[in-house]
Every structure is written in structure tokens, then in C-alpha cells.
């Protein structure tokens, strides 16, 4: 199947899935989180495409969260300079990193934040390398971020198989379990490939609603 036909077929599948909830689509929220106090929320995106599909989810989530009175800070990792962790252990899991780069923004904002949102496209069956570099650098602040927080996963991918999405979901779930954070919602969007494909689905609205009810 050529790329044009693949996009056409997957978009039709995703559009139908948004309304019908077929396998491969997940929009989950934790109702216990709704209507809480105003929070500080850190949104970390992983797409190099400014107008990419996962960034569209992030945009709409932020809009809803800000309308609900939450304070949102955003870190677009693909537009920042974050050196990969080199396992030197100079930080001792709770100290200064040998690299002084844009990760300092994360260090400054993540400790006192109430919720962390991860927004990523699927790149070769995993989260984007730009977002992974940020997560790996959590090692240097490990001792400071093991405290209760809410977490959200916003993820997009071109395939339509639910099985294909499972490794990223499991990675997210294992990460927040280790950190002692609680899942406040996941929006998993299949069948979107080219930038803007998500705009013909109901998922941007779902991201907005999740932000507003967090």
C-alpha cells in the first residue's frame, strides 16, 4: 500500500474510532482528579514538528487547563538543547549534572509541579528521542521528584493496531509507578501520520476536555 492510500485509510479508521471507541484507541481519565484545586502543570512535548499531531494534543490540553485556572509551563524538547545522559553518575541521582543546558528549565519547574504531561509521537515504535533524552536526565533529580504528582500521556501514531501502542503506554506506566505518580489520563491516537491529520478527529477536543477537568 502506498503512503497516500495508507494515510487515507488510517484517517478514516481514526475518525471512526474517535466516535466508536474501537480497539487501538484509548481515551482514559481518572474521575477522582476532576474539580481539584488549581495546579501547576508541566507539559513536555517530544515532536520536532511545531504543528505536529502530538503538539496539537498538547495545545488543546493546555488551553483547557488554563481555562480551568491551572498554571501551565511548557517545554518543547525538540526545540531545546538537552544532552543525552552519559551515565557518569556525577550527579549521584540527586545533584548537579555535568551538562548545563536547557534541562535546567525542567530542573527548575518539575519539583514543585503538581502534574506532568508527556506528549509524543511514536517514532519507530517508541517515544521520540528528544523526549527520551529529557526523561533520562530525570536521573539527576531522582531524589527530588519522587513525590506525589499526577501524570498524563498524550500519544499519536500512524498505525491502527492497539498492540503497537502498548510498549509506549507500558513505558509511561512503569515510569510513573517508579516515581510514585498517579495516572490522570491517557489519550492514545492511532491513524495519524502527516501533520494536521489529527484535526479531522475528535481527539483535540478530548485533550481540551482532559485539561479542563484535570
N, C-alpha and C. Protein backbone atom coordinates (compact mmCIF):
# COMPACT_ATOMS: atom_id res chain seq x y z
N UNK A 1 0.85 -1.20 0.00
CA UNK A 1 0.00 0.00 0.00
C UNK A 1 0.88 1.24 0.00
N UNK A 2 0.61 2.20 -0.92
CA UNK A 2 1.43 3.39 -0.93
C UNK A 2 1.04 4.34 0.19
N UNK A 3 1.86 5.37 0.39
CA UNK A 3 1.67 6.28 1.52
C UNK A 3 0.35 7.01 1.45
N UNK A 4 -0.05 7.44 0.23
CA UNK A 4 -1.31 8.17 0.09
C UNK A 4 -2.50 7.32 0.53
N UNK A 5 -2.52 6.07 0.08
CA UNK A 5 -3.64 5.20 0.46
C UNK A 5 -3.59 4.84 1.93
N UNK A 6 -2.37 4.69 2.46
CA UNK A 6 -2.25 4.38 3.89
C UNK A 6 -2.84 5.51 4.72
N UNK A 7 -2.47 6.75 4.38
CA UNK A 7 -2.98 7.90 5.12
C UNK A 7 -4.50 7.98 5.02
N UNK A 8 -5.02 7.78 3.82
CA UNK A 8 -6.47 7.85 3.62
C UNK A 8 -7.18 6.82 4.49
N UNK A 9 -6.69 5.58 4.45
CA UNK A 9 -7.34 4.51 5.21
C UNK A 9 -7.22 4.69 6.71
N UNK A 10 -6.03 5.13 7.17
CA UNK A 10 -5.85 5.27 8.60
C UNK A 10 -6.62 6.46 9.16
N UNK A 11 -6.75 7.51 8.38
CA UNK A 11 -7.54 8.65 8.82
C UNK A 11 -9.00 8.28 8.96
N UNK A 12 -9.51 7.50 8.02
CA UNK A 12 -10.89 7.05 8.12
C UNK A 12 -11.08 6.18 9.35
N UNK A 13 -10.10 5.32 9.61
CA UNK A 13 -10.17 4.46 10.79
C UNK A 13 -10.14 5.27 12.07
N UNK A 14 -9.25 6.24 12.14
CA UNK A 14 -9.14 7.06 13.35
C UNK A 14 -10.38 7.89 13.58
N UNK A 15 -10.94 8.43 12.52
CA UNK A 15 -12.16 9.23 12.66
C UNK A 15 -13.30 8.39 13.20
N UNK A 16 -13.41 7.18 12.66
CA UNK A 16 -14.46 6.29 13.15
C UNK A 16 -14.20 5.87 14.58
N UNK A 17 -12.93 5.63 14.89
CA UNK A 17 -12.58 5.19 16.24
C UNK A 17 -12.88 6.23 17.28
N UNK A 18 -12.70 7.50 16.93
CA UNK A 18 -12.95 8.57 17.89
C UNK A 18 -14.39 8.56 18.36
N UNK A 19 -15.29 8.13 17.49
CA UNK A 19 -16.68 8.09 17.89
C UNK A 19 -17.12 6.74 18.42
N UNK A 20 -16.46 5.68 17.94
CA UNK A 20 -16.93 4.35 18.27
C UNK A 20 -16.12 3.64 19.34
N UNK A 21 -14.91 4.12 19.63
CA UNK A 21 -14.08 3.51 20.67
C UNK A 21 -13.60 2.12 20.31
N UNK A 22 -13.19 1.88 19.04
CA UNK A 22 -12.75 0.56 18.64
C UNK A 22 -11.37 0.28 19.18
N UNK A 23 -10.92 -0.98 19.05
CA UNK A 23 -9.60 -1.37 19.52
C UNK A 23 -8.55 -0.52 18.84
N UNK A 24 -7.52 -0.13 19.62
CA UNK A 24 -6.46 0.70 19.09
C UNK A 24 -6.57 2.13 19.56
N UNK A 25 -7.67 2.48 20.19
CA UNK A 25 -7.90 3.84 20.66
C UNK A 25 -8.10 3.82 22.15
N UNK A 26 -7.46 4.74 22.84
CA UNK A 26 -7.65 4.83 24.28
C UNK A 26 -7.79 6.28 24.69
N UNK A 27 -8.88 6.59 25.34
CA UNK A 27 -9.04 7.89 25.98
C UNK A 27 -9.48 7.59 27.40
N UNK A 28 -8.56 7.64 28.32
CA UNK A 28 -8.87 7.30 29.70
C UNK A 28 -8.61 8.48 30.60
N UNK A 29 -9.47 8.64 31.59
CA UNK A 29 -9.29 9.68 32.59
C UNK A 29 -9.58 9.10 33.96
N UNK A 30 -9.03 9.72 34.97
CA UNK A 30 -9.29 9.33 36.34
C UNK A 30 -10.28 10.33 36.92
N UNK A 31 -11.51 9.91 37.12
CA UNK A 31 -12.56 10.84 37.56
C UNK A 31 -12.28 11.44 38.92
N UNK A 32 -11.43 10.77 39.71
CA UNK A 32 -11.12 11.29 41.03
C UNK A 32 -10.31 12.58 40.95
N UNK A 33 -9.73 12.85 39.80
CA UNK A 33 -8.90 14.03 39.65
C UNK A 33 -9.68 15.27 39.25
N UNK A 34 -10.94 15.11 38.94
CA UNK A 34 -11.71 16.24 38.41
C UNK A 34 -12.10 17.21 39.51
N UNK A 35 -12.09 18.49 39.14
CA UNK A 35 -12.61 19.51 40.06
C UNK A 35 -11.70 19.81 41.23
N UNK A 36 -10.40 19.51 41.12
CA UNK A 36 -9.50 19.75 42.23
C UNK A 36 -9.03 21.20 42.26
N UNK A 37 -8.03 21.47 43.14
CA UNK A 37 -7.51 22.83 43.29
C UNK A 37 -6.72 23.21 42.05
N UNK A 38 -6.47 24.50 41.93
CA UNK A 38 -5.64 24.96 40.82
C UNK A 38 -4.23 24.41 40.97
N UNK A 39 -3.66 23.98 39.88
CA UNK A 39 -2.38 23.29 39.92
C UNK A 39 -1.36 23.97 39.02
N UNK A 40 -0.11 23.64 39.25
CA UNK A 40 0.96 23.95 38.31
C UNK A 40 1.20 22.69 37.49
N UNK A 41 1.15 22.83 36.18
CA UNK A 41 1.29 21.70 35.28
C UNK A 41 2.48 21.92 34.35
N UNK A 42 3.34 20.93 34.26
CA UNK A 42 4.46 20.96 33.33
C UNK A 42 4.14 20.07 32.14
N UNK A 43 4.10 20.63 30.95
CA UNK A 43 3.85 19.88 29.72
C UNK A 43 5.17 19.74 28.97
N UNK A 44 5.58 18.49 28.72
CA UNK A 44 6.81 18.21 27.99
C UNK A 44 6.45 17.56 26.68
N UNK A 45 6.76 18.22 25.56
CA UNK A 45 6.46 17.66 24.26
C UNK A 45 7.71 17.06 23.63
N UNK A 46 7.49 16.14 22.67
CA UNK A 46 8.62 15.46 22.05
C UNK A 46 8.68 15.54 20.55
N UNK A 47 7.74 16.22 19.91
CA UNK A 47 7.71 16.24 18.44
C UNK A 47 8.55 17.37 17.86
N UNK A 48 9.38 17.07 16.86
CA UNK A 48 10.13 18.13 16.15
C UNK A 48 9.24 18.97 15.26
N UNK A 49 8.02 18.51 14.98
CA UNK A 49 7.11 19.26 14.12
C UNK A 49 6.28 20.21 14.97
N UNK A 50 6.48 21.50 14.77
CA UNK A 50 5.77 22.50 15.56
C UNK A 50 4.26 22.29 15.50
N UNK A 51 3.76 21.98 14.30
CA UNK A 51 2.33 21.77 14.11
C UNK A 51 1.99 20.28 14.00
N UNK A 52 2.82 19.45 14.61
CA UNK A 52 2.58 18.01 14.58
C UNK A 52 1.36 17.59 15.37
N UNK A 53 0.96 16.36 15.19
CA UNK A 53 -0.28 15.88 15.80
C UNK A 53 -0.22 15.81 17.32
N UNK A 54 0.91 15.36 17.87
CA UNK A 54 1.01 15.30 19.33
C UNK A 54 1.09 16.71 19.92
N UNK A 55 1.71 17.63 19.19
CA UNK A 55 1.73 19.02 19.66
C UNK A 55 0.34 19.64 19.63
N UNK A 56 -0.48 19.22 18.68
CA UNK A 56 -1.86 19.70 18.65
C UNK A 56 -2.61 19.22 19.88
N UNK A 57 -2.38 17.98 20.29
CA UNK A 57 -2.98 17.49 21.53
C UNK A 57 -2.51 18.34 22.71
N UNK A 58 -1.21 18.63 22.75
CA UNK A 58 -0.66 19.44 23.85
C UNK A 58 -1.28 20.83 23.85
N UNK A 59 -1.41 21.44 22.67
CA UNK A 59 -2.00 22.78 22.58
C UNK A 59 -3.41 22.79 23.17
N UNK A 60 -4.19 21.80 22.81
CA UNK A 60 -5.57 21.76 23.27
C UNK A 60 -5.68 21.41 24.75
N UNK A 61 -4.81 20.53 25.22
CA UNK A 61 -4.78 20.22 26.65
C UNK A 61 -4.46 21.49 27.44
N UNK A 62 -3.46 22.23 26.99
CA UNK A 62 -3.06 23.45 27.68
C UNK A 62 -4.19 24.47 27.69
N UNK A 63 -4.87 24.61 26.58
CA UNK A 63 -5.99 25.54 26.52
C UNK A 63 -7.04 25.20 27.56
N UNK A 64 -7.40 23.93 27.66
CA UNK A 64 -8.39 23.51 28.65
C UNK A 64 -7.90 23.72 30.07
N UNK A 65 -6.63 23.39 30.32
CA UNK A 65 -6.07 23.52 31.67
C UNK A 65 -6.02 24.97 32.11
N UNK A 66 -5.62 25.86 31.21
CA UNK A 66 -5.55 27.27 31.56
C UNK A 66 -6.94 27.86 31.77
N UNK A 67 -7.90 27.41 30.99
CA UNK A 67 -9.27 27.89 31.19
C UNK A 67 -9.82 27.43 32.54
N UNK A 68 -9.31 26.29 33.03
CA UNK A 68 -9.74 25.78 34.33
C UNK A 68 -9.02 26.48 35.48
N UNK A 69 -8.09 27.38 35.17
CA UNK A 69 -7.40 28.14 36.20
C UNK A 69 -6.05 27.59 36.59
N UNK A 70 -5.59 26.53 35.91
CA UNK A 70 -4.29 25.97 36.22
C UNK A 70 -3.17 26.81 35.58
N UNK A 71 -2.00 26.78 36.18
CA UNK A 71 -0.82 27.41 35.62
C UNK A 71 -0.04 26.37 34.84
N UNK A 72 0.24 26.66 33.58
CA UNK A 72 0.92 25.68 32.73
C UNK A 72 2.27 26.24 32.26
N UNK A 73 3.31 25.42 32.41
CA UNK A 73 4.60 25.73 31.80
C UNK A 73 4.90 24.63 30.80
N UNK A 74 5.51 25.02 29.69
CA UNK A 74 5.69 24.07 28.58
C UNK A 74 7.16 23.99 28.19
N UNK A 75 7.59 22.77 27.88
CA UNK A 75 8.96 22.54 27.42
C UNK A 75 8.91 21.71 26.16
N UNK A 76 9.23 22.33 25.02
CA UNK A 76 9.25 21.63 23.73
C UNK A 76 10.65 21.07 23.52
N UNK A 77 10.84 19.82 23.89
CA UNK A 77 12.18 19.26 23.95
C UNK A 77 12.88 19.22 22.59
N UNK A 78 12.11 19.10 21.52
CA UNK A 78 12.73 19.03 20.19
C UNK A 78 13.29 20.37 19.73
N UNK A 79 12.88 21.43 20.36
CA UNK A 79 13.39 22.76 20.03
C UNK A 79 14.41 23.25 21.07
N UNK A 80 14.80 22.36 21.96
CA UNK A 80 15.74 22.72 23.03
C UNK A 80 17.02 21.91 22.91
N UNK A 81 18.00 22.30 23.69
CA UNK A 81 19.27 21.59 23.72
C UNK A 81 19.36 20.78 25.02
N UNK A 82 19.11 19.50 24.90
CA UNK A 82 19.20 18.60 26.06
C UNK A 82 20.15 17.46 25.69
N UNK A 83 21.30 17.45 26.32
CA UNK A 83 22.29 16.42 26.04
C UNK A 83 21.83 15.09 26.64
N UNK A 84 22.01 14.00 25.92
CA UNK A 84 21.66 12.69 26.50
C UNK A 84 22.48 12.39 27.75
N UNK A 85 21.89 11.68 28.66
CA UNK A 85 22.61 11.21 29.85
C UNK A 85 23.74 10.28 29.40
N UNK A 86 24.91 10.41 30.04
CA UNK A 86 26.05 9.57 29.68
C UNK A 86 26.43 8.61 30.81
N UNK A 87 25.56 8.49 31.81
CA UNK A 87 25.77 7.54 32.91
C UNK A 87 27.10 7.75 33.64
N UNK A 88 27.50 9.01 33.77
CA UNK A 88 28.73 9.30 34.51
C UNK A 88 28.52 9.24 36.01
N UNK A 89 27.27 9.42 36.43
CA UNK A 89 26.87 9.37 37.84
C UNK A 89 27.47 10.48 38.68
N UNK A 90 27.92 11.55 38.04
CA UNK A 90 28.44 12.68 38.80
C UNK A 90 27.36 13.31 39.67
N UNK A 91 26.12 13.21 39.24
CA UNK A 91 25.01 13.81 39.99
C UNK A 91 24.62 12.99 41.21
N UNK A 92 24.99 11.72 41.21
CA UNK A 92 24.61 10.86 42.32
C UNK A 92 23.11 10.69 42.47
N UNK A 93 22.38 10.86 41.38
CA UNK A 93 20.92 10.74 41.32
C UNK A 93 20.20 11.86 42.06
N UNK A 94 20.94 12.86 42.54
CA UNK A 94 20.28 13.94 43.28
C UNK A 94 21.21 15.14 43.41
N UNK A 95 21.77 15.55 42.27
CA UNK A 95 22.72 16.66 42.34
C UNK A 95 22.90 17.33 41.00
N UNK A 96 23.97 18.11 40.88
CA UNK A 96 24.23 18.85 39.66
C UNK A 96 24.66 17.90 38.54
N UNK A 97 24.15 18.18 37.35
CA UNK A 97 24.53 17.42 36.17
C UNK A 97 25.78 18.05 35.56
N UNK A 98 26.59 17.23 34.88
CA UNK A 98 27.79 17.76 34.25
C UNK A 98 27.44 18.63 33.04
N UNK A 99 26.23 18.48 32.52
CA UNK A 99 25.81 19.28 31.38
C UNK A 99 24.94 20.45 31.84
N UNK A 100 25.27 21.63 31.41
CA UNK A 100 24.49 22.82 31.70
C UNK A 100 23.79 23.24 30.41
N UNK A 101 22.59 22.78 30.25
CA UNK A 101 21.86 23.02 29.02
C UNK A 101 20.41 23.34 29.34
N UNK A 102 19.53 23.17 28.38
CA UNK A 102 18.14 23.56 28.59
C UNK A 102 17.38 22.67 29.57
N UNK A 103 17.98 21.58 29.98
CA UNK A 103 17.33 20.75 31.01
C UNK A 103 17.18 21.53 32.32
N UNK A 104 17.94 22.58 32.49
CA UNK A 104 17.82 23.38 33.71
C UNK A 104 16.40 23.93 33.87
N UNK A 105 15.70 24.14 32.76
CA UNK A 105 14.30 24.57 32.83
C UNK A 105 13.45 23.50 33.49
N UNK A 106 13.70 22.23 33.12
CA UNK A 106 12.98 21.12 33.75
C UNK A 106 13.31 21.05 35.23
N UNK A 107 14.57 21.13 35.55
CA UNK A 107 15.00 21.08 36.94
C UNK A 107 14.31 22.17 37.77
N UNK A 108 14.18 23.35 37.18
CA UNK A 108 13.60 24.49 37.89
C UNK A 108 12.10 24.31 38.11
N UNK A 109 11.43 23.65 37.17
CA UNK A 109 9.96 23.64 37.21
C UNK A 109 9.31 22.33 37.65
N UNK A 110 10.02 21.21 37.57
CA UNK A 110 9.35 19.94 37.80
C UNK A 110 9.16 19.61 39.27
N UNK A 111 10.04 20.06 40.13
CA UNK A 111 9.98 19.63 41.53
C UNK A 111 8.69 20.08 42.20
N UNK A 112 8.30 21.33 41.99
CA UNK A 112 7.11 21.84 42.68
C UNK A 112 5.85 21.77 41.82
N UNK A 113 5.94 21.11 40.67
CA UNK A 113 4.75 20.99 39.83
C UNK A 113 3.81 19.93 40.38
N UNK A 114 2.52 20.10 40.11
CA UNK A 114 1.52 19.15 40.59
C UNK A 114 1.22 18.06 39.58
N UNK A 115 1.49 18.33 38.31
CA UNK A 115 1.20 17.35 37.26
C UNK A 115 2.21 17.50 36.14
N UNK A 116 2.55 16.38 35.52
CA UNK A 116 3.47 16.36 34.39
C UNK A 116 2.78 15.67 33.22
N UNK A 117 2.79 16.33 32.06
CA UNK A 117 2.15 15.80 30.86
C UNK A 117 3.24 15.47 29.84
N UNK A 118 3.20 14.24 29.33
CA UNK A 118 4.13 13.81 28.29
C UNK A 118 3.36 13.74 26.97
N UNK A 119 3.83 14.47 25.97
CA UNK A 119 3.18 14.45 24.65
C UNK A 119 4.21 14.00 23.62
N UNK A 120 3.92 12.90 22.93
CA UNK A 120 4.91 12.37 22.00
C UNK A 120 4.27 11.69 20.81
N UNK A 121 4.90 11.78 19.64
CA UNK A 121 4.53 10.89 18.55
C UNK A 121 5.26 9.56 18.75
N UNK A 122 4.80 8.53 18.07
CA UNK A 122 5.56 7.28 18.04
C UNK A 122 6.58 7.38 16.91
N UNK A 123 7.85 7.21 17.27
CA UNK A 123 8.92 7.20 16.27
C UNK A 123 9.59 5.83 16.30
N UNK A 124 9.39 5.08 15.26
CA UNK A 124 9.98 3.75 15.14
C UNK A 124 9.67 2.89 16.37
N UNK A 125 8.40 2.91 16.73
CA UNK A 125 7.82 2.07 17.78
C UNK A 125 8.20 2.50 19.20
N UNK A 126 8.70 3.71 19.36
CA UNK A 126 8.99 4.21 20.70
C UNK A 126 8.69 5.69 20.79
N UNK A 127 8.88 6.26 21.98
CA UNK A 127 8.71 7.69 22.14
C UNK A 127 9.83 8.41 21.39
N UNK A 128 9.65 9.68 21.10
CA UNK A 128 10.67 10.41 20.35
C UNK A 128 11.96 10.49 21.15
N UNK A 129 13.08 10.51 20.44
CA UNK A 129 14.38 10.55 21.11
C UNK A 129 14.56 11.84 21.90
N UNK A 130 13.93 12.92 21.43
CA UNK A 130 14.06 14.20 22.13
C UNK A 130 13.40 14.14 23.51
N UNK A 131 12.22 13.54 23.58
CA UNK A 131 11.55 13.38 24.87
C UNK A 131 12.29 12.37 25.75
N UNK A 132 12.78 11.32 25.14
CA UNK A 132 13.51 10.30 25.91
C UNK A 132 14.76 10.90 26.56
N UNK A 133 15.43 11.81 25.86
CA UNK A 133 16.62 12.45 26.44
C UNK A 133 16.26 13.22 27.70
N UNK A 134 15.11 13.89 27.69
CA UNK A 134 14.66 14.63 28.87
C UNK A 134 14.36 13.66 30.01
N UNK A 135 13.63 12.60 29.72
CA UNK A 135 13.28 11.64 30.76
C UNK A 135 14.53 10.99 31.35
N UNK A 136 15.49 10.66 30.50
CA UNK A 136 16.73 10.05 31.01
C UNK A 136 17.46 10.98 31.98
N UNK A 137 17.36 12.28 31.74
CA UNK A 137 18.02 13.25 32.62
C UNK A 137 17.29 13.43 33.95
N UNK A 138 16.09 12.84 34.08
CA UNK A 138 15.43 12.82 35.39
C UNK A 138 16.34 12.19 36.43
N UNK A 139 17.26 11.35 35.98
CA UNK A 139 18.18 10.65 36.88
C UNK A 139 18.88 11.62 37.83
N UNK A 140 19.22 12.81 37.32
CA UNK A 140 19.96 13.77 38.13
C UNK A 140 19.12 14.43 39.22
N UNK A 141 17.79 14.34 39.09
CA UNK A 141 16.90 14.93 40.08
C UNK A 141 16.00 13.87 40.70
N UNK A 142 16.45 12.63 40.60
CA UNK A 142 15.65 11.49 41.06
C UNK A 142 15.19 11.65 42.50
N UNK A 143 16.07 12.11 43.35
CA UNK A 143 15.73 12.23 44.76
C UNK A 143 14.73 13.33 45.05
N UNK A 144 14.55 14.26 44.11
CA UNK A 144 13.64 15.39 44.33
C UNK A 144 12.25 15.18 43.74
N UNK A 145 12.12 14.28 42.78
CA UNK A 145 10.83 14.14 42.09
C UNK A 145 10.05 12.90 42.50
N UNK A 146 10.58 12.14 43.44
CA UNK A 146 9.83 11.02 43.98
C UNK A 146 8.85 11.54 45.02
N UNK A 147 7.81 12.18 44.56
CA UNK A 147 6.77 12.70 45.44
C UNK A 147 5.47 12.69 44.65
N UNK A 148 4.31 12.65 45.31
CA UNK A 148 3.04 12.50 44.60
C UNK A 148 2.81 13.60 43.56
N UNK A 149 2.53 13.18 42.36
CA UNK A 149 2.15 14.07 41.27
C UNK A 149 1.16 13.33 40.38
N UNK A 150 0.43 14.08 39.58
CA UNK A 150 -0.40 13.49 38.56
C UNK A 150 0.40 13.44 37.26
N UNK A 151 0.02 12.53 36.38
CA UNK A 151 0.70 12.40 35.09
C UNK A 151 -0.32 12.14 34.00
N UNK A 152 0.01 12.59 32.80
CA UNK A 152 -0.85 12.41 31.63
C UNK A 152 0.02 11.99 30.45
N UNK A 153 -0.50 11.09 29.62
CA UNK A 153 0.18 10.71 28.38
C UNK A 153 -0.69 11.10 27.19
N UNK A 154 -0.12 11.87 26.28
CA UNK A 154 -0.75 12.22 25.00
C UNK A 154 0.15 11.63 23.92
N UNK A 155 -0.39 10.69 23.15
CA UNK A 155 0.46 9.99 22.19
C UNK A 155 -0.26 9.78 20.87
N UNK A 156 0.48 9.97 19.77
CA UNK A 156 -0.08 9.77 18.43
C UNK A 156 0.81 8.80 17.66
N UNK A 157 0.17 8.05 16.75
CA UNK A 157 0.95 7.14 15.90
C UNK A 157 0.20 6.84 14.62
N UNK A 158 0.96 6.43 13.58
CA UNK A 158 0.38 6.26 12.26
C UNK A 158 -0.35 4.93 12.10
N UNK A 159 0.06 3.93 12.84
CA UNK A 159 -0.56 2.61 12.75
C UNK A 159 -1.96 2.66 13.37
N UNK A 160 -2.69 1.56 13.25
CA UNK A 160 -4.02 1.50 13.86
C UNK A 160 -4.15 0.32 14.82
N UNK A 161 -3.06 -0.40 15.03
CA UNK A 161 -3.09 -1.55 15.93
C UNK A 161 -2.88 -1.12 17.37
N UNK A 162 -3.75 -1.57 18.23
CA UNK A 162 -3.61 -1.27 19.66
C UNK A 162 -2.33 -1.88 20.21
N UNK A 163 -1.96 -3.06 19.71
CA UNK A 163 -0.76 -3.74 20.18
C UNK A 163 0.49 -2.90 19.97
N UNK A 164 0.55 -2.19 18.85
CA UNK A 164 1.72 -1.37 18.53
C UNK A 164 1.91 -0.26 19.56
N UNK A 165 0.83 0.24 20.12
CA UNK A 165 0.91 1.34 21.09
C UNK A 165 1.30 0.87 22.49
N UNK A 166 1.15 -0.40 22.76
CA UNK A 166 1.31 -0.90 24.12
C UNK A 166 2.69 -0.66 24.74
N UNK A 167 3.80 -0.80 23.99
CA UNK A 167 5.11 -0.56 24.62
C UNK A 167 5.28 0.86 25.16
N UNK A 168 4.81 1.86 24.43
CA UNK A 168 4.92 3.23 24.92
C UNK A 168 4.05 3.43 26.15
N UNK A 169 2.85 2.89 26.11
CA UNK A 169 1.95 3.00 27.27
C UNK A 169 2.58 2.34 28.48
N UNK A 170 3.15 1.15 28.28
CA UNK A 170 3.78 0.44 29.40
C UNK A 170 5.00 1.21 29.93
N UNK A 171 5.77 1.80 29.03
CA UNK A 171 6.91 2.62 29.46
C UNK A 171 6.44 3.75 30.36
N UNK A 172 5.41 4.44 29.92
CA UNK A 172 4.84 5.54 30.71
C UNK A 172 4.34 5.03 32.06
N UNK A 173 3.62 3.94 32.06
CA UNK A 173 3.06 3.42 33.31
C UNK A 173 4.15 2.95 34.27
N UNK A 174 5.19 2.32 33.74
CA UNK A 174 6.30 1.90 34.60
C UNK A 174 7.05 3.10 35.16
N UNK A 175 7.22 4.12 34.34
CA UNK A 175 7.92 5.34 34.78
C UNK A 175 7.19 6.00 35.93
N UNK A 176 5.89 6.22 35.78
CA UNK A 176 5.18 6.94 36.84
C UNK A 176 5.00 6.07 38.09
N UNK A 177 4.93 4.75 37.89
CA UNK A 177 4.86 3.86 39.06
C UNK A 177 6.15 3.97 39.87
N UNK A 178 7.28 3.99 39.19
CA UNK A 178 8.56 4.13 39.87
C UNK A 178 8.65 5.46 40.62
N UNK A 179 8.13 6.53 40.01
CA UNK A 179 8.23 7.86 40.62
C UNK A 179 7.16 8.10 41.68
N UNK A 180 6.19 7.22 41.76
CA UNK A 180 5.12 7.41 42.74
C UNK A 180 4.06 8.40 42.28
N UNK A 181 3.96 8.60 40.96
CA UNK A 181 2.96 9.49 40.41
C UNK A 181 1.71 8.70 40.03
N UNK A 182 0.58 9.39 39.92
CA UNK A 182 -0.67 8.72 39.57
C UNK A 182 -1.13 9.13 38.17
N UNK A 183 -1.63 8.17 37.43
CA UNK A 183 -2.10 8.43 36.08
C UNK A 183 -3.42 9.20 36.12
N UNK A 184 -3.45 10.36 35.48
CA UNK A 184 -4.66 11.18 35.44
C UNK A 184 -5.34 11.13 34.08
N UNK A 185 -4.77 10.40 33.13
CA UNK A 185 -5.42 10.29 31.83
C UNK A 185 -4.45 9.96 30.72
N UNK A 186 -4.95 9.24 29.73
CA UNK A 186 -4.17 8.90 28.55
C UNK A 186 -5.03 9.13 27.31
N UNK A 187 -4.47 9.82 26.33
CA UNK A 187 -5.13 9.96 25.04
C UNK A 187 -4.19 9.37 24.00
N UNK A 188 -4.58 8.23 23.46
CA UNK A 188 -3.76 7.49 22.52
C UNK A 188 -4.46 7.53 21.16
N UNK A 189 -3.81 8.14 20.19
CA UNK A 189 -4.47 8.41 18.90
C UNK A 189 -3.80 7.64 17.77
N UNK A 190 -4.49 6.69 17.16
CA UNK A 190 -3.94 5.94 16.03
C UNK A 190 -4.29 6.60 14.70
N UNK A 191 -3.62 6.16 13.66
CA UNK A 191 -4.02 6.52 12.31
C UNK A 191 -3.74 7.95 11.90
N UNK A 192 -2.77 8.60 12.54
CA UNK A 192 -2.41 9.97 12.14
C UNK A 192 -0.93 9.97 11.78
N UNK A 193 -0.64 10.46 10.59
CA UNK A 193 0.72 10.40 10.07
C UNK A 193 1.23 11.80 9.74
N UNK A 194 0.63 12.43 8.74
CA UNK A 194 1.08 13.76 8.34
C UNK A 194 0.60 14.80 9.34
N UNK A 195 1.37 15.88 9.46
CA UNK A 195 0.97 16.97 10.35
C UNK A 195 -0.41 17.48 9.96
N UNK A 196 -1.28 17.62 10.95
CA UNK A 196 -2.63 18.10 10.70
C UNK A 196 -3.67 17.01 10.57
N UNK A 197 -3.23 15.76 10.41
CA UNK A 197 -4.19 14.67 10.28
C UNK A 197 -5.16 14.60 11.45
N UNK A 198 -4.66 14.94 12.64
CA UNK A 198 -5.47 14.81 13.85
C UNK A 198 -6.64 15.79 13.86
N UNK A 199 -6.55 16.83 13.05
CA UNK A 199 -7.58 17.86 13.09
C UNK A 199 -8.93 17.41 12.55
N UNK A 200 -8.97 16.29 11.85
CA UNK A 200 -10.27 15.78 11.38
C UNK A 200 -10.83 14.74 12.33
N UNK A 201 -10.21 14.58 13.49
CA UNK A 201 -10.71 13.65 14.51
C UNK A 201 -11.26 14.42 15.70
N UNK A 202 -11.83 13.68 16.63
CA UNK A 202 -12.37 14.29 17.85
C UNK A 202 -11.33 14.41 18.96
N UNK A 203 -10.11 13.97 18.71
CA UNK A 203 -9.13 13.90 19.79
C UNK A 203 -8.63 15.25 20.30
N UNK A 204 -8.47 16.28 19.48
CA UNK A 204 -8.11 17.58 20.05
C UNK A 204 -9.12 18.06 21.09
N UNK A 205 -10.39 17.83 20.83
CA UNK A 205 -11.42 18.21 21.80
C UNK A 205 -11.30 17.39 23.07
N UNK A 206 -10.97 16.11 22.91
CA UNK A 206 -10.81 15.25 24.08
C UNK A 206 -9.62 15.71 24.93
N UNK A 207 -8.56 16.16 24.27
CA UNK A 207 -7.41 16.68 25.01
C UNK A 207 -7.77 17.96 25.75
N UNK A 208 -8.54 18.80 25.10
CA UNK A 208 -9.02 20.03 25.74
C UNK A 208 -9.85 19.69 27.00
N UNK A 209 -10.75 18.74 26.85
CA UNK A 209 -11.61 18.36 27.98
C UNK A 209 -10.80 17.76 29.11
N UNK A 210 -9.78 16.97 28.78
CA UNK A 210 -8.93 16.40 29.83
C UNK A 210 -8.20 17.49 30.58
N UNK A 211 -7.68 18.47 29.85
CA UNK A 211 -7.01 19.59 30.52
C UNK A 211 -7.95 20.38 31.41
N UNK A 212 -9.16 20.53 30.98
CA UNK A 212 -10.11 21.33 31.74
C UNK A 212 -10.63 20.62 32.98
N UNK A 213 -10.61 19.29 32.96
CA UNK A 213 -11.16 18.53 34.08
C UNK A 213 -10.10 17.88 34.95
N UNK A 214 -8.83 18.17 34.66
CA UNK A 214 -7.76 17.52 35.44
C UNK A 214 -7.87 17.87 36.92
